[in-house]
Structure formats: structure tokens, C-alpha cells
Amino acid sequence: MTTPDVDVVVCTRNRPALLREALAAIRAQDYPGRVTTYVVFDGGDPEHALERTETHRAVRVLGNSHSPGLAGGRNTGILAGAAPLVAFCDDDDLWLPRKLSAQTASLARDATDTAVSGIVVRYADRRVIRVPQSRDLELRTLVRRRVMEAHPSTVLVRRTALAGIGLVDEEIPGSYGEDFDWIIRAAQHGPITVVPEPLVEVRWGMSQFSQDWAVIAAAIDYGLAKHAVFHEDPAALARLLGRKAFAEAALRRPGALRSAARALRTRAAEPRAYLAAAVALRLISARRLMDLAHRRGHGI
């Protein structure tokens, strides 16, 4: 097996303890090749004490030189490196030791440009394993149900493919769903290799976006306008309309029930629309429903 160099992009903001755990897990990879980690501070002063100069596990610390937010931070890290393979790791996630070894072997075997793996979801005292199948990363399935187990912290991509896939979209409101937007483009670019085992531990519900409902609603509108593929499948469209209705209900916007009705007209079986209606009618809180979903390793 060849061992090409890998650049890892870790975008961070105000989570120093979690960041150190993420960096330790990257450093502990059993991959024999060179791994350079680019830690991009999105806001605040870069902590240069984290830098390491060792040949096979170097760490570079940067400030975000692109637009503020996760998308700009990721692009800053991508463009700072030159390794033939690029990976991402959120600052609150942990790579398991054979993550890179398994994925580089699969990329070489399948001759594809992008690889993902399964995840172990941690939420409070619960751990849930979620592993995608190859068919889950086909475009139609991906847009229909998002496939949260294909998490950005599992992504490994050839740098040459980024010319066709593109960088992370910095125009998305609040950078919300930038990973979903990118993986859709990756699936349109070519087949995605799936390593069918959990190789990343993800701390669920800690995202800065998890309940930023106004940003979520705006980002959904942006995605619907950008990707025609959502409008080609009623189930995919209804899912997003249901999520937007849920966000509006959480914000107690007066049009939330109308948004839920629109989702149901698109697909009567869309569960998020019913949840949105329940929240809009104040039968249950959005926070309570999110907690229940997270405990099962899911979102809404």
C-alpha cells in the first residue's frame, strides 16, 4: 500500500480542551505516512503553542484568512497545504486509530476520489454506531435523507478532485450545512468510497448550529435555490421543507404551520412536518424533540 501525504484541516473556535483531544487522536493514527494538521482559528487569537514540527505529524496553526465561519476556515486550511490527500476533522470529534489507514487503502483499491466511513455517535451517556452503505452515498439517496453518518470528520478526498468538486461554499448563511452541500457536489463528481465501519467518534449536539434556528431556515432556502436535485424528488424536497418548518416553529414564527402544510402537500408522510406542527401548537418543545432525536444518534 502506498502512503501519500495527508493534510488534515481542523477549524476551531473557543474549544481548547476538545481541540487538544482531537489533535491527539490525529497524532495517534497508525497510518505510516506523513500527516500535517492545519488548525485554523476562526475568531480569537491563534494558539501557536499547539504547533509541532516533527516530520510525520506536524501541526501548523493559522488564522482564518477567508470569510468568517466554518466554510472560510476549512478553505483556509485546504489552501494552506499541498498534500495529495485532504481530510477534515471537527474540533470536537475523535478519529479512531486506523481511520486514515483504512481509508487510504480503500481509495487506492477503488480508484475513487472521495472516501467516507461510519461514525460512533456520543450524546450524553449514550453511544450509537451509524455506518453507511455504498448505496447511501449515491446522489439520489444522499439528497433524500442526507445520510448524517457520512460526517465531514470522516471525509478524505484527493486534492486533484477539488478542482471539479470545488471548495467549501462560503456563501451559505452561517456556513450551516456546508458539509452537506459539499458532499452533494462530491457525489455529482463521481462515486464515493465507503469504509463500512465506524472510524470517527462524533460528539452529537455540540455543534454551534444545533439550535440556531434562524440560520438553519436561511441556509435551507439557500440550498433549495442552489441545488435543482432537491426539486427532482418529492421526498428530498419535503424533508427540507419539513426541517425549515421545524426551525420556524422553534422560532415561534407565525408562518410555521403554513410551512408544515407545504411540506405535507409535497409528501404527506414527511415526519418533520408533523413535528413542526406539534412545536408550533406548543404541544412539545423543539428542545425536547431535539434531545430525543440526539439520544438515538439522529437529528431532525
Protein backbone atom coordinates (compact mmCIF):
# COMPACT_ATOMS: atom_id res chain seq x y z
CA MET A 1 0.00 0.00 0.00
CA THR A 2 1.28 3.49 -0.83
CA THR A 3 1.26 6.09 1.93
CA PRO A 4 0.66 9.51 0.34
CA ASP A 5 0.95 12.60 2.50
CA VAL A 6 -2.28 13.78 4.11
CA ASP A 7 -3.34 17.29 5.11
CA VAL A 8 -5.93 17.46 7.90
CA VAL A 9 -7.97 20.63 8.34
CA VAL A 10 -9.32 21.36 11.82
CA CYS A 11 -11.33 24.56 12.12
CA THR A 12 -11.81 25.68 15.72
CA ARG A 13 -13.37 28.35 17.89
CA ASN A 14 -13.23 28.58 21.69
CA ARG A 15 -12.97 24.86 22.48
CA PRO A 16 -9.35 24.40 23.61
CA ALA A 17 -9.80 21.21 25.63
CA LEU A 18 -11.78 19.43 22.93
CA LEU A 19 -9.35 20.65 20.28
CA ARG A 20 -6.42 19.07 22.11
CA GLU A 21 -8.25 15.75 22.26
CA ALA A 22 -8.95 15.91 18.52
CA LEU A 23 -5.30 16.69 17.76
CA ALA A 24 -4.08 13.85 19.97
CA ALA A 25 -6.32 11.39 18.09
CA ILE A 26 -4.96 12.60 14.75
CA ARG A 27 -1.41 12.25 16.01
CA ALA A 28 -2.16 8.71 17.22
CA GLN A 29 -3.15 7.40 13.78
CA ASP A 30 -1.46 4.13 12.86
CA TYR A 31 -1.02 5.43 9.31
CA PRO A 32 2.70 5.27 8.45
CA GLY A 33 2.62 8.23 6.05
CA ARG A 34 3.15 11.90 6.75
CA VAL A 35 0.18 13.75 8.26
CA THR A 36 0.19 17.54 8.57
CA THR A 37 -2.62 19.13 10.56
CA TYR A 38 -3.71 22.70 9.83
CA VAL A 39 -5.52 24.16 12.83
CA VAL A 40 -7.49 27.19 11.66
CA PHE A 41 -8.71 29.57 14.36
CA ASP A 42 -11.98 31.16 13.28
CA GLY A 43 -12.09 34.10 15.64
CA GLY A 44 -9.78 34.75 18.56
CA ASP A 45 -6.00 34.68 18.58
CA PRO A 46 -4.36 31.59 17.06
CA GLU A 47 -2.71 29.44 19.73
CA HIS A 48 0.71 28.90 18.22
CA ALA A 49 1.81 26.79 21.20
CA LEU A 50 -0.05 23.93 19.52
CA GLU A 51 2.40 23.85 16.62
CA ARG A 52 4.62 20.81 16.16
CA THR A 53 7.49 20.48 13.74
CA GLU A 54 8.03 16.72 13.77
CA THR A 55 8.29 15.28 10.26
CA HIS A 56 5.44 12.77 10.24
CA ARG A 57 2.92 14.53 12.49
CA ALA A 58 3.43 18.27 12.04
CA VAL A 59 0.85 20.79 13.25
CA ARG A 60 0.52 24.29 11.79
CA VAL A 61 -1.64 26.99 13.35
CA LEU A 62 -3.36 29.60 11.19
CA GLY A 63 -5.90 32.38 11.46
CA ASN A 64 -8.91 32.24 9.16
CA SER A 65 -7.92 34.30 6.09
CA HIS A 66 -11.23 33.75 4.30
CA SER A 67 -14.78 34.73 5.25
CA PRO A 68 -15.61 34.27 8.94
CA GLY A 69 -17.19 30.93 9.73
CA LEU A 70 -16.63 27.23 9.26
CA ALA A 71 -16.62 27.34 5.46
CA GLY A 72 -13.94 30.04 5.30
CA GLY A 73 -11.91 28.26 7.96
CA ARG A 74 -11.98 24.99 6.07
CA ASN A 75 -10.92 26.72 2.85
CA THR A 76 -8.06 28.47 4.64
CA GLY A 77 -6.73 25.09 5.76
CA ILE A 78 -7.25 23.41 2.40
CA LEU A 79 -5.36 26.10 0.52
CA ALA A 80 -2.51 26.24 3.05
CA GLY A 81 -1.48 22.67 2.32
CA ALA A 82 -0.20 20.76 -0.71
CA ALA A 83 -0.53 17.07 0.21
CA PRO A 84 -2.26 14.83 -2.35
CA LEU A 85 -4.95 13.85 0.19
CA VAL A 86 -7.08 16.22 2.27
CA ALA A 87 -9.14 15.28 5.34
CA PHE A 88 -11.35 17.18 7.77
CA CYS A 89 -11.87 16.78 11.48
CA ASP A 90 -14.19 18.90 13.58
CA ASP A 91 -12.57 20.16 16.76
CA ASP A 92 -14.96 18.15 18.96
CA ASP A 93 -14.56 14.81 17.16
CA LEU A 94 -12.08 11.96 17.60
CA TRP A 95 -10.54 9.83 14.88
CA LEU A 96 -10.10 6.18 15.79
CA PRO A 97 -6.52 4.91 15.26
CA ARG A 98 -6.94 3.15 11.88
CA LYS A 99 -9.09 5.81 10.23
CA LEU A 100 -6.51 7.00 7.71
CA SER A 101 -5.01 3.57 7.05
CA ALA A 102 -8.39 2.07 6.20
CA GLN A 103 -9.47 4.97 4.01
CA THR A 104 -6.26 5.38 2.03
CA ALA A 105 -6.30 1.64 1.30
CA SER A 106 -9.90 1.86 0.11
CA LEU A 107 -9.20 4.88 -2.11
CA ALA A 108 -6.29 3.07 -3.73
CA ARG A 109 -8.33 -0.11 -4.23
CA ASP A 110 -11.41 1.60 -5.68
CA ALA A 111 -9.58 4.34 -7.62
CA THR A 112 -12.15 6.89 -6.42
CA ASP A 113 -11.60 10.49 -5.36
CA THR A 114 -13.52 10.65 -2.07
CA ALA A 115 -13.95 8.30 0.87
CA VAL A 116 -16.12 8.38 4.00
CA SER A 117 -16.69 5.97 6.87
CA GLY A 118 -19.13 5.25 9.66
CA ILE A 119 -19.26 7.03 12.99
CA VAL A 120 -19.80 6.39 16.69
CA VAL A 121 -22.27 9.00 17.95
CA ARG A 122 -21.78 10.16 21.54
CA TYR A 123 -24.61 12.07 23.18
CA ALA A 124 -24.70 12.46 26.97
CA ASP A 125 -24.22 8.92 28.28
CA ARG A 126 -25.25 7.16 25.07
CA ARG A 127 -23.20 5.76 22.19
CA VAL A 128 -24.80 4.82 18.87
CA ILE A 129 -22.96 3.29 15.91
CA ARG A 130 -24.03 4.52 12.47
CA VAL A 131 -22.39 3.05 9.38
CA PRO A 132 -23.43 3.97 5.82
CA GLN A 133 -23.58 1.57 2.91
CA SER A 134 -22.24 2.37 -0.56
CA ARG A 135 -25.75 2.96 -1.92
CA ASP A 136 -26.30 5.60 0.78
CA LEU A 137 -23.69 7.81 -0.87
CA GLU A 138 -25.35 7.71 -4.27
CA LEU A 139 -26.73 11.13 -5.15
CA ARG A 140 -30.43 10.24 -5.03
CA THR A 141 -30.21 8.61 -1.61
CA LEU A 142 -27.91 11.31 -0.27
CA VAL A 143 -30.27 14.18 -1.07
CA ARG A 144 -33.33 12.24 0.06
CA ARG A 145 -32.14 11.55 3.58
CA ARG A 146 -28.86 13.46 3.97
CA VAL A 147 -27.04 10.40 5.46
CA MET A 148 -25.71 12.02 8.60
CA GLU A 149 -23.36 9.09 9.21
CA ALA A 150 -21.30 10.36 6.25
CA HIS A 151 -20.00 13.02 8.61
CA PRO A 152 -17.46 15.66 7.47
CA SER A 153 -14.95 14.33 10.01
CA THR A 154 -14.91 11.09 8.02
CA VAL A 155 -14.14 12.71 4.65
CA LEU A 156 -10.88 12.00 2.82
CA VAL A 157 -10.53 13.49 -0.68
CA ARG A 158 -7.86 13.71 -3.35
CA ARG A 159 -6.62 17.28 -3.74
CA THR A 160 -6.77 16.97 -7.53
CA ALA A 161 -10.52 16.28 -7.28
CA LEU A 162 -11.17 19.59 -5.54
CA ALA A 163 -10.85 21.35 -8.89
CA GLY A 164 -14.01 19.54 -10.00
CA ILE A 165 -15.85 19.34 -6.69
CA GLY A 166 -14.95 22.85 -5.60
CA LEU A 167 -14.02 24.29 -2.23
CA VAL A 168 -16.45 24.77 0.64
CA ASP A 169 -19.21 27.26 -0.25
CA GLU A 170 -18.62 30.41 1.79
CA GLU A 171 -21.92 31.97 0.69
CA ILE A 172 -24.08 29.56 2.71
CA PRO A 173 -25.75 31.50 5.55
CA GLY A 174 -23.77 30.93 8.72
CA SER A 175 -21.89 28.06 7.00
CA TYR A 176 -24.79 25.85 8.11
CA GLY A 177 -24.88 22.59 6.17
CA GLU A 178 -21.67 23.39 4.28
CA ASP A 179 -20.70 19.73 4.65
CA PHE A 180 -23.96 18.54 3.07
CA ASP A 181 -23.57 20.98 0.19
CA TRP A 182 -20.01 19.77 -0.39
CA ILE A 183 -20.82 16.04 -0.25
CA ILE A 184 -23.63 16.55 -2.78
CA ARG A 185 -21.10 18.06 -5.16
CA ALA A 186 -18.66 15.24 -4.42
CA ALA A 187 -21.35 12.68 -5.31
CA GLN A 188 -22.08 14.55 -8.54
CA HIS A 189 -18.35 14.49 -9.32
CA GLY A 190 -18.02 10.70 -9.02
CA PRO A 191 -18.56 7.59 -6.87
CA ILE A 192 -17.72 7.87 -3.17
CA THR A 193 -15.94 5.01 -1.43
CA VAL A 194 -17.46 3.93 1.87
CA VAL A 195 -15.36 2.16 4.51
CA PRO A 196 -18.17 0.24 6.25
CA GLU A 197 -17.01 0.59 9.83
CA PRO A 198 -17.13 3.33 12.48
CA LEU A 199 -13.82 5.18 12.34
CA VAL A 200 -14.73 8.53 13.93
CA GLU A 201 -16.30 9.32 17.29
CA VAL A 202 -18.68 12.26 16.95
CA ARG A 203 -19.96 14.27 19.90
CA TRP A 204 -23.56 14.92 18.95
CA GLY A 205 -25.45 18.09 19.79
CA MET A 206 -22.36 20.22 20.44
CA SER A 207 -22.46 21.99 17.10
CA GLN A 208 -22.83 25.75 17.23
CA PHE A 209 -25.66 25.28 14.72
CA SER A 210 -27.69 22.65 16.56
CA GLN A 211 -30.39 25.13 17.62
CA ASP A 212 -29.55 28.29 15.67
CA TRP A 213 -32.95 28.13 14.01
CA ALA A 214 -32.85 31.41 12.07
CA VAL A 215 -29.56 30.45 10.41
CA ILE A 216 -30.88 26.95 9.69
CA ALA A 217 -34.00 28.31 7.96
CA ALA A 218 -31.97 30.73 5.84
CA ALA A 219 -29.45 28.04 4.87
CA ILE A 220 -32.24 25.67 3.80
CA ASP A 221 -33.64 28.35 1.49
CA TYR A 222 -30.15 28.86 0.06
CA GLY A 223 -29.70 25.15 -0.59
CA LEU A 224 -33.10 24.82 -2.25
CA ALA A 225 -32.24 27.68 -4.59
CA LYS A 226 -28.78 26.29 -5.37
CA HIS A 227 -29.43 22.59 -5.97
CA ALA A 228 -32.00 21.62 -8.58
CA VAL A 229 -31.64 17.99 -7.49
CA PHE A 230 -33.77 18.68 -4.39
CA HIS A 231 -36.71 19.62 -6.60
CA GLU A 232 -36.48 16.41 -8.62
CA ASP A 233 -37.52 14.20 -5.70
CA PRO A 234 -40.64 14.99 -3.61
CA ALA A 235 -39.21 13.11 -0.61
CA ALA A 236 -35.99 15.15 -0.69
CA LEU A 237 -37.88 18.43 -1.08
CA ALA A 238 -40.38 17.58 1.67
CA ARG A 239 -37.56 16.71 4.09
CA LEU A 240 -36.01 20.14 3.69
CA LEU A 241 -39.35 21.92 3.81
CA GLY A 242 -40.16 19.97 6.98
CA ARG A 243 -36.85 20.96 8.55
CA LYS A 244 -37.47 24.60 7.67
CA ALA A 245 -40.97 24.40 9.18
CA PHE A 246 -39.46 22.90 12.35
CA ALA A 247 -36.95 25.78 12.55
CA GLU A 248 -39.74 28.32 12.09
CA ALA A 249 -41.84 26.61 14.77
CA ALA A 250 -38.88 26.68 17.16
CA LEU A 251 -38.62 30.42 16.48
CA ARG A 252 -42.39 30.74 17.01
CA ARG A 253 -42.78 32.37 13.64
CA PRO A 254 -46.44 32.83 12.67
CA GLY A 255 -45.97 31.08 9.31
CA ALA A 256 -44.68 27.81 10.79
CA LEU A 257 -47.97 25.94 10.37
CA ARG A 258 -48.24 27.08 6.75
CA SER A 259 -44.69 25.84 6.14
CA ALA A 260 -45.56 22.49 7.71
CA ALA A 261 -48.63 22.26 5.47
CA ARG A 262 -46.48 22.96 2.41
CA ALA A 263 -44.17 20.11 3.35
CA LEU A 264 -47.14 17.78 3.77
CA ARG A 265 -48.56 18.77 0.40
CA THR A 266 -45.21 17.82 -1.10
CA ARG A 267 -45.16 14.48 0.72
CA ALA A 268 -47.86 13.51 3.19
CA ALA A 269 -45.57 11.07 5.01
CA GLU A 270 -42.90 13.67 5.91
CA PRO A 271 -42.46 13.25 9.71
CA ARG A 272 -40.68 16.58 10.27
CA ALA A 273 -43.78 18.43 9.16
CA TYR A 274 -45.83 16.76 11.90
CA LEU A 275 -43.13 17.52 14.47
CA ALA A 276 -43.08 21.13 13.30
CA ALA A 277 -46.84 21.35 13.72
CA ALA A 278 -46.60 19.91 17.23
CA VAL A 279 -43.99 22.52 18.17
CA ALA A 280 -45.98 25.34 16.53
CA LEU A 281 -49.07 24.30 18.52
CA ARG A 282 -46.89 24.17 21.67
CA LEU A 283 -47.65 20.54 22.34
CA ILE A 284 -43.94 19.89 22.87
CA SER A 285 -40.80 22.00 22.74
CA ALA A 286 -38.26 21.92 19.93
CA ARG A 287 -35.52 21.40 22.51
CA ARG A 288 -37.23 18.30 23.89
CA LEU A 289 -37.64 16.78 20.43
CA MET A 290 -34.01 17.52 19.59
CA ASP A 291 -32.90 15.83 22.80
CA LEU A 292 -34.93 12.73 21.98
CA ALA A 293 -33.50 12.60 18.46
CA HIS A 294 -29.92 13.06 19.63
CA ARG A 295 -30.28 10.22 22.13
CA ARG A 296 -31.00 7.93 19.18
CA GLY A 297 -28.00 9.26 17.22
CA HIS A 298 -30.17 11.29 14.87
CA GLY A 299 -31.08 14.87 14.10
CA ILE A 300 -34.31 16.41 12.81
